[in-house]
């Protein structure tokens, strides 16, 4: 009897596609949701990798231009009114406020240093929003995907036990497919969650490093302008 049950179980298709097709509607919905979450997570990961790489390259190029000895006014004119890179935007915001702080007689309006600092802080905050956009979704997937998959597993096992009770048949060929289908939901949940957690931590650290560079540049630039204000 046991040999026959094992033989019947071996004849059952346990491929991922077959397990998905045989799953109940609720478990299918859980699996589809997790696959969509995983796909969207990977799209964010890839886009952020490209964005961060471009941001580091742009910052490196601008730093060389900024510290090349070229006059700040000439560098500002070269960048123009529509800067493209994040470093250029931060520099342009400070220079624009610097120029606006001069009166027609050449004197400076009081509080120029504070306004310049605030202008660059606003520019950094905007770049922070761009860099960190989407990272909260990765954190959400990493925190919830295992539990969503576990819900699918629990529901699938409950359904399997209900079928066993209805048929009063506990053969391996009867039990194995339902259990396998249910456990696959947890597997998909882990597949979605693990990359999301790993890359969230990495991308978050990369974002903080890039923003730290922007803040360091803003402080150095503010110091240069402060010397000119004092002079």
Protein backbone atom coordinates (compact mmCIF):
# COMPACT_ATOMS: atom_id res chain seq x y z
CA UNK A 1 0.00 0.00 0.00
CA UNK A 2 2.78 2.39 0.95
CA UNK A 3 4.71 1.49 -2.20
CA UNK A 4 1.66 2.26 -4.32
CA UNK A 5 1.22 5.64 -2.62
CA UNK A 6 4.85 6.55 -3.23
CA UNK A 7 4.49 5.52 -6.86
CA UNK A 8 1.40 7.70 -7.27
CA UNK A 9 3.21 10.64 -5.65
CA UNK A 10 6.11 10.24 -8.05
CA UNK A 11 3.70 10.47 -10.99
CA UNK A 12 2.40 13.86 -9.83
CA UNK A 13 3.94 16.92 -11.48
CA UNK A 14 5.72 18.97 -8.79
CA UNK A 15 7.10 21.66 -11.10
CA UNK A 16 6.67 25.26 -10.00
CA UNK A 17 4.14 25.96 -12.75
CA UNK A 18 2.12 22.83 -11.92
CA UNK A 19 2.09 23.69 -8.21
CA UNK A 20 0.88 27.20 -9.04
CA UNK A 21 -1.89 25.93 -11.34
CA UNK A 22 -3.17 23.46 -8.71
CA UNK A 23 -3.12 26.00 -5.87
CA UNK A 24 -6.34 27.50 -4.53
CA UNK A 25 -7.42 30.97 -5.65
CA UNK A 26 -6.28 32.58 -2.39
CA UNK A 27 -2.84 30.98 -2.54
CA UNK A 28 -2.53 31.95 -6.22
CA UNK A 29 -3.39 35.53 -5.30
CA UNK A 30 -0.71 35.49 -2.60
CA UNK A 31 1.88 34.09 -5.03
CA UNK A 32 1.04 36.62 -7.75
CA UNK A 33 1.22 39.48 -5.23
CA UNK A 34 4.63 38.32 -4.05
CA UNK A 35 5.93 37.93 -7.60
CA UNK A 36 4.75 41.46 -8.45
CA UNK A 37 6.43 42.78 -5.30
CA UNK A 38 9.65 40.97 -6.23
CA UNK A 39 9.58 42.29 -9.80
CA UNK A 40 8.96 45.85 -8.63
CA UNK A 41 11.73 45.54 -6.03
CA UNK A 42 14.24 44.47 -8.66
CA UNK A 43 13.18 47.35 -10.92
CA UNK A 44 13.86 49.78 -8.06
CA UNK A 45 17.19 48.12 -7.28
CA UNK A 46 18.37 48.38 -10.88
CA UNK A 47 17.19 51.98 -11.31
CA UNK A 48 18.81 53.05 -8.04
CA UNK A 49 22.08 51.37 -8.98
CA UNK A 50 22.13 53.35 -12.24
CA UNK A 51 21.10 56.58 -10.49
CA UNK A 52 23.69 56.30 -7.71
CA UNK A 53 26.46 55.46 -10.17
CA UNK A 54 25.56 58.53 -12.24
CA UNK A 55 25.39 60.70 -9.11
CA UNK A 56 28.86 59.62 -7.96
CA UNK A 57 30.29 60.24 -11.42
CA UNK A 58 28.70 63.67 -11.67
CA UNK A 59 29.92 64.66 -8.21
CA UNK A 60 33.46 63.57 -9.04
CA UNK A 61 33.51 65.58 -12.28
CA UNK A 62 32.08 68.68 -10.62
CA UNK A 63 34.55 68.49 -7.71
CA UNK A 64 37.44 68.58 -10.18
CA UNK A 65 35.95 71.63 -11.90
CA UNK A 66 35.18 73.38 -8.61
CA UNK A 67 38.67 72.93 -7.19
CA UNK A 68 40.42 73.62 -10.50
CA UNK A 69 40.98 77.24 -9.54
CA UNK A 70 38.40 78.59 -11.98
CA UNK A 71 36.58 81.69 -10.60
CA UNK A 72 33.23 80.81 -9.03
CA UNK A 73 31.39 83.36 -11.17
CA UNK A 74 32.85 81.84 -14.34
CA UNK A 75 31.91 78.33 -13.21
CA UNK A 76 28.39 79.52 -12.41
CA UNK A 77 28.04 81.11 -15.84
CA UNK A 78 29.26 77.92 -17.49
CA UNK A 79 26.70 75.82 -15.63
CA UNK A 80 23.92 78.19 -16.64
CA UNK A 81 20.43 78.73 -15.29
CA UNK A 82 19.42 75.08 -15.65
CA UNK A 83 22.01 72.87 -13.89
CA UNK A 84 21.65 69.14 -14.51
CA UNK A 85 23.68 67.34 -11.85
CA UNK A 86 22.94 67.36 -8.14
CA UNK A 87 26.27 68.98 -7.22
CA UNK A 88 25.69 71.65 -9.85
CA UNK A 89 22.21 72.35 -8.45
CA UNK A 90 23.57 72.76 -4.92
CA UNK A 91 26.34 75.05 -6.15
CA UNK A 92 23.95 77.05 -8.33
CA UNK A 93 21.47 77.52 -5.47
CA UNK A 94 24.24 78.95 -3.28
CA UNK A 95 25.62 81.19 -6.02
CA UNK A 96 22.18 82.44 -6.98
CA UNK A 97 21.41 83.42 -3.40
CA UNK A 98 24.87 85.01 -3.16
CA UNK A 99 24.12 87.23 -6.15
CA UNK A 100 20.64 88.08 -4.90
CA UNK A 101 22.14 89.18 -1.58
CA UNK A 102 24.02 92.05 -3.24
CA UNK A 103 22.35 95.45 -3.38
CA UNK A 104 22.59 97.66 -6.44
CA UNK A 105 25.28 99.74 -4.72
CA UNK A 106 27.42 96.61 -4.29
CA UNK A 107 26.72 96.15 -0.59
CA UNK A 108 25.38 92.97 0.98
CA UNK A 109 21.91 92.52 2.44
CA UNK A 110 22.04 91.46 6.07
CA UNK A 111 21.71 87.73 6.76
CA UNK A 112 23.26 86.67 3.46
CA UNK A 113 25.19 83.74 4.97
CA UNK A 114 22.10 82.25 6.59
CA UNK A 115 20.09 82.54 3.37
CA UNK A 116 22.85 80.91 1.34
CA UNK A 117 23.03 78.02 3.80
CA UNK A 118 19.25 77.55 3.70
CA UNK A 119 19.20 77.66 -0.11
CA UNK A 120 21.79 74.88 -0.31
CA UNK A 121 20.03 72.88 2.42
CA UNK A 122 16.81 73.00 0.38
CA UNK A 123 18.70 71.82 -2.72
CA UNK A 124 20.23 68.93 -0.73
CA UNK A 125 16.80 68.00 0.66
CA UNK A 126 15.40 67.79 -2.87
CA UNK A 127 18.26 65.53 -3.96
CA UNK A 128 17.68 63.41 -0.86
CA UNK A 129 14.09 62.84 -1.94
CA UNK A 130 15.27 61.73 -5.38
CA UNK A 131 17.91 59.37 -4.00
CA UNK A 132 15.67 57.81 -1.36
CA UNK A 133 12.51 57.52 -3.45
CA UNK A 134 11.47 53.88 -3.62
CA UNK A 135 13.69 52.66 -0.80
CA UNK A 136 10.74 52.58 1.60
CA UNK A 137 9.07 50.09 -0.74
CA UNK A 138 12.09 47.78 -0.46
CA UNK A 139 11.88 48.03 3.32
CA UNK A 140 8.18 47.23 3.20
CA UNK A 141 8.73 44.19 0.98
CA UNK A 142 11.54 42.94 3.20
CA UNK A 143 9.37 43.25 6.30
CA UNK A 144 6.06 41.92 4.97
CA UNK A 145 6.80 39.42 2.16
CA UNK A 146 7.70 36.50 4.49
CA UNK A 147 4.47 36.96 6.44
CA UNK A 148 2.38 37.26 3.29
CA UNK A 149 3.96 34.03 2.05
CA UNK A 150 3.34 32.43 5.44
CA UNK A 151 -0.32 33.41 5.21
CA UNK A 152 -0.53 31.63 1.86
CA UNK A 153 1.15 28.57 3.37
CA UNK A 154 -1.20 28.45 6.35
CA UNK A 155 -4.24 28.86 4.13
CA UNK A 156 -2.98 26.20 1.71
CA UNK A 157 -2.31 23.69 4.50
CA UNK A 158 -5.74 24.34 6.01
CA UNK A 159 -7.28 23.67 2.61
CA UNK A 160 -5.27 20.46 2.27
CA UNK A 161 -6.40 19.23 5.67
CA UNK A 162 -9.98 20.04 4.75
CA UNK A 163 -9.64 17.89 1.63
CA UNK A 164 -8.06 15.08 3.63
CA UNK A 165 -10.95 15.17 6.09
CA UNK A 166 -13.49 15.17 3.27
CA UNK A 167 -11.90 12.24 1.41
CA UNK A 168 -10.71 10.46 4.56
CA UNK A 169 -7.54 9.60 2.66
CA UNK A 170 -4.13 10.30 4.20
CA UNK A 171 -2.02 8.70 1.47
CA UNK A 172 1.15 10.50 0.48
CA UNK A 173 -0.26 11.07 -3.00
CA UNK A 174 -3.16 12.97 -1.44
CA UNK A 175 -1.23 14.97 1.13
CA UNK A 176 1.97 15.86 -0.76
CA UNK A 177 0.61 18.10 -3.56
CA UNK A 178 -1.37 20.37 -1.25
CA UNK A 179 1.49 20.71 1.23
CA UNK A 180 3.96 21.44 -1.58
CA UNK A 181 1.69 24.10 -3.06
CA UNK A 182 1.30 25.74 0.32
CA UNK A 183 5.01 25.73 1.12
CA UNK A 184 5.81 27.29 -2.25
CA UNK A 185 4.05 30.47 -1.08
CA UNK A 186 6.55 30.81 1.77
CA UNK A 187 9.40 30.14 -0.65
CA UNK A 188 8.25 32.91 -2.98
CA UNK A 189 7.89 35.22 0.01
CA UNK A 190 11.51 34.60 0.98
CA UNK A 191 12.66 35.06 -2.62
CA UNK A 192 10.97 38.47 -2.61
CA UNK A 193 12.08 39.50 0.88
CA UNK A 194 15.76 38.55 1.01
CA UNK A 195 16.97 40.67 -1.97
CA UNK A 196 14.77 43.56 -0.82
CA UNK A 197 16.36 43.58 2.65
CA UNK A 198 19.93 43.15 1.38
CA UNK A 199 19.69 45.85 -1.28
CA UNK A 200 17.71 48.22 0.96
CA UNK A 201 20.59 48.22 3.44
CA UNK A 202 23.17 48.68 0.68
CA UNK A 203 21.27 51.38 -1.21
CA UNK A 204 20.43 53.23 1.98
CA UNK A 205 24.11 53.27 2.95
CA UNK A 206 25.06 54.43 -0.57
CA UNK A 207 22.45 57.19 -0.39
CA UNK A 208 23.75 58.43 2.94
CA UNK A 209 27.32 58.40 1.59
CA UNK A 210 26.33 60.46 -1.46
CA UNK A 211 24.31 62.91 0.63
CA UNK A 212 27.22 63.19 3.05
CA UNK A 213 29.36 64.26 0.10
CA UNK A 214 26.81 66.90 -0.87
CA UNK A 215 26.68 68.24 2.67
CA UNK A 216 30.48 68.33 2.90
CA UNK A 217 30.65 70.27 -0.36
CA UNK A 218 27.95 72.69 0.84
CA UNK A 219 29.92 73.32 4.04
CA UNK A 220 33.15 73.93 2.11
CA UNK A 221 31.40 76.23 -0.35
CA UNK A 222 29.70 78.12 2.49
CA UNK A 223 33.09 78.59 4.13
CA UNK A 224 34.51 80.08 0.92
CA UNK A 225 31.60 82.49 0.62
CA UNK A 226 31.87 83.34 4.31
CA UNK A 227 35.48 84.46 3.78
CA UNK A 228 34.34 86.73 0.96
CA UNK A 229 31.54 88.11 3.14
CA UNK A 230 33.96 88.88 5.94
CA UNK A 231 36.36 90.50 3.47
